[in-house]
N, C-alpha and C. Protein backbone atom coordinates (compact mmCIF):
# COMPACT_ATOMS: atom_id res chain seq x y z
N UNK A 1 6.16 -11.30 -5.14
CA UNK A 1 5.32 -10.32 -5.43
C UNK A 1 3.93 -10.94 -5.31
N UNK A 2 2.78 -10.12 -4.68
CA UNK A 2 2.13 -10.58 -4.90
C UNK A 2 1.27 -11.31 -6.13
N UNK A 3 0.74 -11.77 -6.50
CA UNK A 3 -0.16 -11.54 -7.99
C UNK A 3 -1.07 -10.48 -8.68
N UNK A 4 -1.51 -10.07 -7.25
CA UNK A 4 -3.19 -9.41 -7.01
C UNK A 4 -2.26 -8.17 -7.19
N UNK A 5 -1.05 -7.96 -6.45
CA UNK A 5 -0.21 -6.18 -6.99
C UNK A 5 0.79 -6.00 -8.22
N UNK A 6 0.68 -7.26 -9.06
CA UNK A 6 1.11 -6.71 -10.66
C UNK A 6 0.25 -6.54 -11.72
N UNK A 7 1.43 -5.00 -11.99
CA UNK A 7 1.39 -4.24 -13.26
C UNK A 7 0.78 -2.85 -12.71
N UNK A 8 0.76 -2.81 -11.35
CA UNK A 8 0.21 -1.52 -10.12
C UNK A 8 1.47 -1.39 -9.97
N UNK A 9 1.81 0.76 -9.88
CA UNK A 9 3.17 0.84 -10.45
C UNK A 9 3.10 1.89 -8.75
N UNK A 10 4.11 1.93 -8.48
CA UNK A 10 4.61 2.72 -7.15
C UNK A 10 4.83 1.54 -5.84
N UNK A 11 5.32 1.96 -4.48
CA UNK A 11 5.65 0.58 -3.81
C UNK A 11 4.66 -1.05 -3.89
N UNK A 12 5.45 -1.77 -3.65
CA UNK A 12 4.71 -3.08 -3.91
C UNK A 12 4.11 -3.82 -3.22
N UNK A 13 3.69 -2.62 -1.80
CA UNK A 13 2.92 -2.79 -0.98
C UNK A 13 1.42 -2.27 -1.36
N UNK A 14 1.93 -0.81 -2.54
CA UNK A 14 -0.02 -0.10 -2.81
C UNK A 14 -0.41 -1.00 -3.24
N UNK A 15 -0.63 -1.64 -3.72
CA UNK A 15 -1.75 -2.29 -4.04
C UNK A 15 -2.76 -2.95 -3.22
N UNK A 16 -1.22 -3.55 -2.89
CA UNK A 16 -2.36 -4.99 -1.61
C UNK A 16 -3.14 -3.92 -0.52
N UNK A 17 -2.52 -2.79 0.02
CA UNK A 17 -3.05 -1.72 0.66
C UNK A 17 -4.01 -1.30 -0.08
N UNK A 18 -4.46 -0.54 -1.08
CA UNK A 18 -5.51 -0.35 -1.94
C UNK A 18 -7.16 -1.35 -1.40
N UNK A 19 -5.74 -2.82 -1.87
CA UNK A 19 -7.50 -3.77 -2.13
C UNK A 19 -7.82 -3.51 -0.95
N UNK A 20 -7.10 -4.34 0.63
CA UNK A 20 -7.31 -4.39 1.55
C UNK A 20 -8.76 -3.08 2.08
N UNK A 21 -8.02 -1.67 1.70
CA UNK A 21 -8.99 -0.83 2.38
C UNK A 21 -10.15 -0.76 2.09
N UNK A 22 -10.03 -1.40 0.78
CA UNK A 22 -11.62 -1.63 -0.79
C UNK A 22 -12.17 -2.14 0.27
N UNK A 23 -11.66 -3.96 0.77
CA UNK A 23 -12.04 -4.72 1.83
C UNK A 23 -13.46 -4.14 2.57
N UNK A 24 -12.47 -3.89 3.69
CA UNK A 24 -12.45 -2.87 4.65
C UNK A 24 -13.72 -1.46 4.56
N UNK A 25 -14.07 -1.23 3.99
CA UNK A 25 -14.21 0.09 3.18
C UNK A 25 -15.73 -0.82 2.62
N UNK A 26 -16.23 -1.70 2.39
CA UNK A 26 -17.13 -2.23 2.05
C UNK A 26 -17.66 -3.31 2.82
N UNK A 27 -17.16 -3.91 3.01
CA UNK A 27 -17.77 -4.49 4.49
C UNK A 27 -18.16 -4.19 5.81
N UNK A 28 -18.01 -2.80 6.16
CA UNK A 28 -18.41 -2.21 6.78
C UNK A 28 -18.31 -2.38 8.87
N UNK A 29 -17.60 -2.65 8.36
CA UNK A 29 -16.97 -3.96 10.54
C UNK A 29 -15.71 -4.22 10.35
N UNK A 30 -15.12 -5.14 11.17
CA UNK A 30 -13.91 -5.50 11.92
C UNK A 30 -14.09 -6.89 10.79
N UNK A 31 -12.97 -6.72 9.90
CA UNK A 31 -11.94 -8.06 8.94
C UNK A 31 -10.80 -8.31 9.74
N UNK A 32 -11.03 -10.13 10.11
CA UNK A 32 -10.43 -10.34 10.03
C UNK A 32 -8.25 -10.43 8.80
N UNK A 33 -7.34 -10.78 9.26
CA UNK A 33 -5.94 -10.58 8.08
C UNK A 33 -6.23 -11.02 7.03
N UNK A 34 -7.42 -12.88 8.04
CA UNK A 34 -7.16 -14.08 7.23
C UNK A 34 -8.50 -13.85 6.09
N UNK A 35 -9.12 -13.44 6.51
CA UNK A 35 -10.03 -12.86 5.39
C UNK A 35 -9.75 -11.70 4.32
N UNK A 36 -9.45 -10.57 4.46
CA UNK A 36 -8.95 -9.80 4.03
C UNK A 36 -7.46 -10.46 3.28
N UNK A 37 -6.80 -11.20 3.20
CA UNK A 37 -6.00 -11.71 2.44
C UNK A 37 -6.80 -12.89 1.44
N UNK A 38 -7.72 -13.49 1.79
CA UNK A 38 -8.55 -14.38 0.45
C UNK A 38 -9.17 -13.61 -0.01
N UNK A 39 -9.59 -12.46 0.24
CA UNK A 39 -10.27 -11.65 -0.85
C UNK A 39 -9.16 -10.42 -1.56
N UNK A 40 -7.76 -10.03 -1.39
CA UNK A 40 -7.56 -9.30 -1.83
C UNK A 40 -6.16 -10.38 -2.74
N UNK A 41 -5.91 -12.21 -2.43
CA UNK A 41 -5.34 -12.67 -2.80
C UNK A 41 -3.67 -12.65 -2.55
N UNK A 42 -3.37 -12.68 -1.45
CA UNK A 42 -2.03 -12.35 -0.52
C UNK A 42 -2.37 -13.01 0.47
N UNK A 43 -0.85 -13.45 0.83
CA UNK A 43 -0.69 -14.21 2.15
C UNK A 43 -0.92 -13.04 3.57
N UNK A 44 -1.68 -14.19 4.58
CA UNK A 44 -2.36 -13.29 5.54
C UNK A 44 -0.66 -13.03 6.32
N UNK A 45 0.45 -13.15 6.25
CA UNK A 45 2.04 -12.66 7.00
C UNK A 45 1.70 -11.70 5.59
N UNK A 46 2.10 -11.75 4.66
CA UNK A 46 2.50 -10.33 3.70
C UNK A 46 1.59 -9.39 4.41
N UNK A 47 0.09 -9.56 3.66
CA UNK A 47 -0.46 -8.90 4.56
C UNK A 47 -0.80 -7.92 5.62
N UNK A 48 -0.25 -8.80 6.50
CA UNK A 48 -0.35 -7.74 8.21
C UNK A 48 0.73 -7.24 8.11
N UNK A 49 1.83 -7.26 7.47
CA UNK A 49 2.72 -5.96 7.30
C UNK A 49 2.68 -4.64 6.73
N UNK A 50 2.21 -4.71 5.86
CA UNK A 50 0.90 -4.29 5.09
C UNK A 50 0.07 -3.69 6.04
N UNK A 51 -0.90 -4.19 6.23
CA UNK A 51 -1.53 -3.55 7.37
C UNK A 51 -1.07 -2.57 8.71
N UNK A 52 0.29 -2.91 9.06
CA UNK A 52 1.30 -2.80 9.97
C UNK A 52 1.01 -0.94 9.78
N UNK A 53 1.54 -0.03 8.46
CA UNK A 53 1.79 0.62 7.68
C UNK A 53 0.65 1.26 8.18
N UNK A 54 -0.53 0.85 7.43
CA UNK A 54 -1.71 1.51 7.55
C UNK A 54 -2.27 1.59 8.89
N UNK A 55 -1.95 0.90 10.12
CA UNK A 55 -2.31 1.07 11.25
C UNK A 55 -1.34 2.04 11.98
N UNK A 56 -0.68 2.32 11.37
CA UNK A 56 0.80 3.43 11.83
C UNK A 56 0.78 4.74 11.06
N UNK A 57 -0.20 4.91 9.91
CA UNK A 57 -1.46 6.27 9.36
C UNK A 57 -1.57 6.33 9.51
N UNK A 58 -2.79 5.93 10.80
CA UNK A 58 -3.77 6.13 10.82
C UNK A 58 -5.51 5.51 10.50
N UNK A 59 -5.29 5.15 9.75
CA UNK A 59 -6.15 4.81 8.11
C UNK A 59 -6.81 3.34 8.88
N UNK A 60 -6.39 2.49 9.39
CA UNK A 60 -6.84 1.46 9.87
C UNK A 60 -7.07 1.80 12.02
N UNK A 61 -7.65 0.62 12.10
CA UNK A 61 -7.16 0.39 13.31
C UNK A 61 -7.22 -1.10 13.47
N UNK A 62 -6.75 -1.64 14.83
CA UNK A 62 -6.52 -3.04 15.01
C UNK A 62 -7.45 -3.57 16.30
N UNK A 63 -7.59 -4.44 16.61
CA UNK A 63 -7.97 -5.38 18.00
C UNK A 63 -7.37 -6.50 17.82
N UNK A 64 -6.63 -7.06 19.09
CA UNK A 64 -5.43 -8.31 18.92
C UNK A 64 -6.80 -8.95 19.67
N UNK A 65 -6.09 -10.30 18.88
CA UNK A 65 -7.30 -11.41 20.18
C UNK A 65 -8.16 -12.56 19.62
N UNK A 66 -9.02 -12.61 19.69
CA UNK A 66 -9.39 -14.24 19.35
C UNK A 66 -10.89 -13.44 18.44
N UNK A 67 -11.89 -12.78 19.04
CA UNK A 67 -12.50 -11.12 18.31
C UNK A 67 -11.66 -9.98 17.35
N UNK A 68 -10.24 -10.38 17.41
CA UNK A 68 -9.82 -8.78 16.96
C UNK A 68 -10.49 -9.10 15.34
N UNK A 69 -9.62 -7.99 14.72
CA UNK A 69 -9.24 -7.78 12.91
C UNK A 69 -9.17 -6.37 12.39
N UNK A 70 -9.65 -6.06 11.73
CA UNK A 70 -9.13 -4.41 11.37
C UNK A 70 -10.43 -3.90 11.23
N UNK A 71 -10.15 -2.27 11.13
CA UNK A 71 -12.05 -1.43 10.23
C UNK A 71 -10.96 -0.59 9.83
N UNK A 72 -12.16 0.53 9.24
CA UNK A 72 -11.37 1.39 9.03
C UNK A 72 -11.38 2.26 9.94
N UNK A 73 -10.51 3.15 9.80
CA UNK A 73 -10.27 4.24 11.24
C UNK A 73 -10.71 5.17 10.61
N UNK A 74 -11.25 5.80 9.27
CA UNK A 74 -11.48 6.85 8.59
C UNK A 74 -12.56 6.72 7.92
N UNK A 75 -13.16 7.54 7.56
CA UNK A 75 -14.51 6.51 6.40
C UNK A 75 -13.62 6.68 4.89
N UNK A 76 -13.95 6.30 4.34
CA UNK A 76 -13.64 5.64 2.98
C UNK A 76 -13.26 6.70 2.00
N UNK A 77 -14.50 7.95 2.09
CA UNK A 77 -14.09 9.40 1.08
C UNK A 77 -13.23 10.02 1.69
N UNK A 78 -12.53 10.07 3.14
CA UNK A 78 -11.67 10.31 3.30
C UNK A 78 -10.33 10.29 3.42
N UNK A 79 -10.04 9.49 2.96
CA UNK A 79 -8.54 8.48 2.47
C UNK A 79 -8.18 8.47 1.01
N UNK A 80 -6.80 9.72 0.97
CA UNK A 80 -7.10 9.46 -0.44
C UNK A 80 -6.08 8.18 -0.72
N UNK A 81 -5.75 8.25 -1.75
CA UNK A 81 -4.96 7.25 -2.99
C UNK A 81 -3.26 8.12 -2.33
N UNK A 82 -3.19 9.21 -2.01
CA UNK A 82 -2.43 9.56 -1.70
C UNK A 82 -1.39 9.02 -0.15
N UNK A 83 -2.94 9.58 0.97
CA UNK A 83 -2.87 8.69 2.22
C UNK A 83 -1.81 7.46 2.06
N UNK A 84 -2.87 6.19 0.70
CA UNK A 84 -2.48 4.83 1.07
C UNK A 84 -0.69 5.08 0.06
N UNK A 85 -0.54 5.50 -0.16
CA UNK A 85 0.79 6.00 -1.32
C UNK A 85 2.32 5.98 0.14
N UNK A 86 1.61 7.25 0.85
CA UNK A 86 2.56 7.99 1.80
C UNK A 86 2.92 6.55 3.49
N UNK A 87 2.04 6.05 3.86
CA UNK A 87 1.44 4.61 3.87
C UNK A 87 2.53 3.76 3.88
N UNK A 88 2.84 3.06 2.70
CA UNK A 88 3.16 1.82 2.56
C UNK A 88 4.66 2.59 1.65
N UNK A 89 4.86 4.10 1.20
CA UNK A 89 6.08 4.24 0.61
C UNK A 89 7.43 3.51 1.08
N UNK A 90 7.34 3.43 2.39
CA UNK A 90 9.11 3.94 3.02
C UNK A 90 9.30 2.29 2.87
N UNK A 91 8.66 1.43 2.55
CA UNK A 91 9.00 -0.30 2.74
C UNK A 91 9.06 -1.05 1.05
N UNK A 92 9.55 -0.04 -0.34
CA UNK A 92 9.59 0.19 -1.13
C UNK A 92 11.04 -0.77 -1.68
N UNK A 93 12.05 0.30 -1.04
CA UNK A 93 13.81 -0.49 -1.19
C UNK A 93 13.87 1.35 -1.83
N UNK A 94 15.34 0.91 -2.54
CA UNK A 94 15.07 2.28 -3.34
C UNK A 94 16.20 2.54 -3.71
N UNK A 95 16.89 4.00 -3.93
CA UNK A 95 18.30 4.64 -3.70
C UNK A 95 18.87 4.03 -2.39
N UNK A 96 18.11 4.55 -1.22
CA UNK A 96 18.55 4.23 -0.17
C UNK A 96 19.27 2.92 0.31
N UNK A 97 18.42 2.51 -0.02
CA UNK A 97 18.82 0.24 -0.23
C UNK A 97 19.93 0.10 -0.62
N UNK A 98 20.76 0.85 -1.84
CA UNK A 98 22.06 0.29 -1.94
C UNK A 98 22.83 0.97 -1.08
N UNK A 99 23.01 1.63 -0.82
CA UNK A 99 23.79 2.54 0.49
C UNK A 99 23.17 1.99 1.68
N UNK A 100 22.97 1.43 2.10
CA UNK A 100 22.38 0.51 3.29
C UNK A 100 23.25 -0.43 3.28
N UNK A 101 23.35 -1.50 2.62
CA UNK A 101 23.82 -2.24 2.02
C UNK A 101 25.20 -2.33 2.27
N UNK A 102 25.73 -0.76 1.51
CA UNK A 102 27.34 -0.96 1.71
C UNK A 102 27.90 -1.36 0.28
N UNK A 103 26.81 -1.09 -1.14
CA UNK A 103 27.51 -1.16 -2.07
C UNK A 103 28.61 -0.84 -2.46
N UNK A 104 29.35 -1.35 -2.54
CA UNK A 104 30.86 -0.58 -3.08
C UNK A 104 30.88 -0.23 -4.44
N UNK A 105 30.42 1.75 -4.95
CA UNK A 105 30.77 1.84 -6.55
C UNK A 105 31.16 2.23 -6.40
N UNK A 106 31.82 2.63 -7.86
CA UNK A 106 32.87 3.72 -8.22
C UNK A 106 31.64 5.30 -8.46
N UNK A 107 33.10 6.65 -8.11
CA UNK A 107 32.08 7.53 -8.53
C UNK A 107 30.77 7.65 -9.09
N UNK A 108 31.71 7.60 -10.42
CA UNK A 108 29.93 7.26 -11.94
C UNK A 108 29.09 7.14 -11.71
N UNK A 109 28.87 5.39 -10.93
CA UNK A 109 27.46 4.72 -10.60
C UNK A 109 27.01 5.85 -9.16
N UNK A 110 27.79 6.10 -7.92
CA UNK A 110 26.99 7.23 -7.30
C UNK A 110 26.63 7.97 -7.47
N UNK A 111 27.45 8.86 -8.62
CA UNK A 111 26.99 10.12 -9.22
C UNK A 111 25.66 9.74 -10.04
N UNK A 112 25.46 8.78 -10.82
CA UNK A 112 24.69 8.12 -11.55
C UNK A 112 23.10 8.20 -10.34
N UNK A 113 23.42 7.44 -9.43
CA UNK A 113 22.20 7.17 -8.19
C UNK A 113 21.75 8.51 -7.37
N UNK A 114 22.41 9.48 -7.70
CA UNK A 114 22.07 10.14 -6.94
C UNK A 114 21.20 11.28 -7.66
N UNK A 115 21.88 11.00 -9.43
CA UNK A 115 20.76 12.15 -9.90
C UNK A 115 19.52 11.68 -10.23
N UNK A 116 19.46 9.88 -10.64
CA UNK A 116 18.38 8.90 -10.56
C UNK A 116 17.28 9.42 -8.94
N UNK A 117 18.46 9.18 -8.20
CA UNK A 117 17.05 9.62 -7.21
C UNK A 117 16.50 10.80 -7.10
N UNK A 118 16.92 11.90 -7.63
CA UNK A 118 17.14 13.85 -7.63
C UNK A 118 16.10 13.14 -8.27
N UNK A 119 15.69 12.70 -9.78
CA UNK A 119 14.61 12.33 -10.65
C UNK A 119 13.23 11.94 -9.94
N UNK A 120 13.58 10.49 -9.42
CA UNK A 120 12.68 9.96 -8.85
C UNK A 120 12.36 10.43 -7.19
N UNK A 121 12.93 11.16 -6.75
CA UNK A 121 11.60 12.62 -5.80
C UNK A 121 10.86 12.98 -6.39
N UNK A 122 11.70 14.11 -7.39
CA UNK A 122 10.35 14.90 -8.34
C UNK A 122 8.98 13.83 -8.63
N UNK A 123 9.33 13.17 -9.29
CA UNK A 123 8.38 12.03 -10.32
C UNK A 123 7.12 11.83 -8.90
N UNK A 124 7.69 10.82 -7.35
CA UNK A 124 7.18 10.83 -6.30
C UNK A 124 6.53 11.70 -5.10
N UNK A 125 6.65 13.00 -5.29
CA UNK A 125 6.20 14.08 -5.37
C UNK A 125 5.01 14.58 -5.96
N UNK A 126 5.44 14.63 -7.56
CA UNK A 126 4.40 14.62 -8.13
C UNK A 126 2.98 13.42 -8.68
N UNK A 127 3.61 11.96 -8.08
CA UNK A 127 2.88 10.88 -8.02
C UNK A 127 1.62 11.12 -6.71
N UNK A 128 2.66 12.49 -5.41
CA UNK A 128 1.54 11.67 -4.58
C UNK A 128 0.41 12.79 -4.64
N UNK A 129 1.08 14.13 -5.03
CA UNK A 129 -0.06 15.70 -5.18
C UNK A 129 -1.08 14.59 -6.56
N UNK A 130 -1.14 13.98 -7.52
CA UNK A 130 -1.98 13.33 -8.20
C UNK A 130 -2.78 12.16 -7.49
N UNK A 131 -2.83 11.97 -6.22
CA UNK A 131 -2.92 10.91 -6.03
C UNK A 131 -4.02 11.72 -5.33
N UNK A 132 -3.63 12.62 -4.34
CA UNK A 132 -4.44 13.20 -3.58
C UNK A 132 -5.64 13.59 -4.52
N UNK A 133 -6.05 13.62 -5.62
CA UNK A 133 -7.19 13.72 -6.15
C UNK A 133 -8.65 12.64 -6.30
N UNK A 134 -7.55 11.61 -5.63
CA UNK A 134 -9.50 10.65 -5.24
C UNK A 134 -8.69 9.55 -3.89
N UNK A 135 -10.40 9.25 -4.11
CA UNK A 135 -10.73 8.47 -2.62
C UNK A 135 -10.87 7.46 -3.25
N UNK A 136 -10.27 6.99 -1.27
CA UNK A 136 -11.01 5.07 -1.36
C UNK A 136 -12.29 4.83 -2.25
N UNK A 137 -13.31 5.94 -1.91
CA UNK A 137 -14.60 6.15 -2.10
C UNK A 137 -14.36 5.74 -3.57
N UNK A 138 -13.50 6.63 -4.47
CA UNK A 138 -14.00 6.42 -6.12
C UNK A 138 -12.75 5.15 -6.33
N UNK A 139 -12.07 4.23 -5.96
CA UNK A 139 -12.01 3.18 -5.98
C UNK A 139 -13.01 2.21 -5.94
N UNK A 140 -13.29 2.43 -4.93
CA UNK A 140 -14.95 1.48 -5.11
C UNK A 140 -15.57 1.38 -5.90
N UNK A 141 -16.35 2.46 -6.31
CA UNK A 141 -17.56 3.14 -6.85
C UNK A 141 -16.82 1.78 -8.40
N UNK A 142 -15.28 1.75 -8.82
CA UNK A 142 -15.17 0.64 -9.92
C UNK A 142 -15.05 -0.67 -9.83
N UNK A 143 -15.51 -1.21 -8.32
CA UNK A 143 -15.17 -2.49 -8.03
C UNK A 143 -16.66 -3.64 -8.42
N UNK A 144 -16.55 -4.35 -8.89
CA UNK A 144 -17.66 -5.29 -8.69
C UNK A 144 -17.52 -6.46 -6.77
N UNK A 145 -17.84 -6.36 -6.67
CA UNK A 145 -17.77 -6.75 -5.11
C UNK A 145 -18.10 -7.96 -5.27
N UNK A 146 -18.82 -8.29 -5.99
CA UNK A 146 -19.79 -9.82 -6.43
C UNK A 146 -19.07 -11.13 -7.28
N UNK A 147 -18.02 -10.06 -7.65
CA UNK A 147 -17.49 -11.27 -8.65
C UNK A 147 -16.25 -12.17 -7.83
N UNK A 148 -15.94 -12.99 -8.30
CA UNK A 148 -15.56 -14.86 -7.15
C UNK A 148 -14.43 -13.77 -7.67
N UNK A 149 -13.09 -14.09 -6.84
CA UNK A 149 -11.99 -14.14 -6.97
C UNK A 149 -11.56 -14.71 -7.80
N UNK A 150 -10.70 -15.18 -8.45
CA UNK A 150 -9.96 -15.91 -9.31
C UNK A 150 -8.41 -16.22 -8.90
N UNK A 151 -8.65 -17.80 -9.07
CA UNK A 151 -6.65 -18.29 -8.31
C UNK A 151 -5.80 -18.30 -9.58
């Protein structure tokens, strides 16, 4: 996990996605994945995986090639944190990962997993509803873009 995402609840890529969108919005133009990665303290390869989710969700556009890069498809005031969360949430693993890995669990463990999954699904629904209240503009108002990143 990137140090930029430590302590941020939600899918592991959520914090990186919010950071990347903030830098794209602040730039007002096209940025390479390397430039964004440098600003959000993430490896460019990992960041590109996150950006793929944002492109698929219609939040970001991409142009491949030498003069390519990423830019916002929507205005920052039209992107909610719920949009970002939903774009990256399927990359966080979870209960379905246990089943996909073929874990041989006893009946009690399977029942516990189903109960926990139900609780977590409700928590996720509540989280998404809460995040709908905030836009990238709200987040950007709290950022000092002149501060230098720490190593």
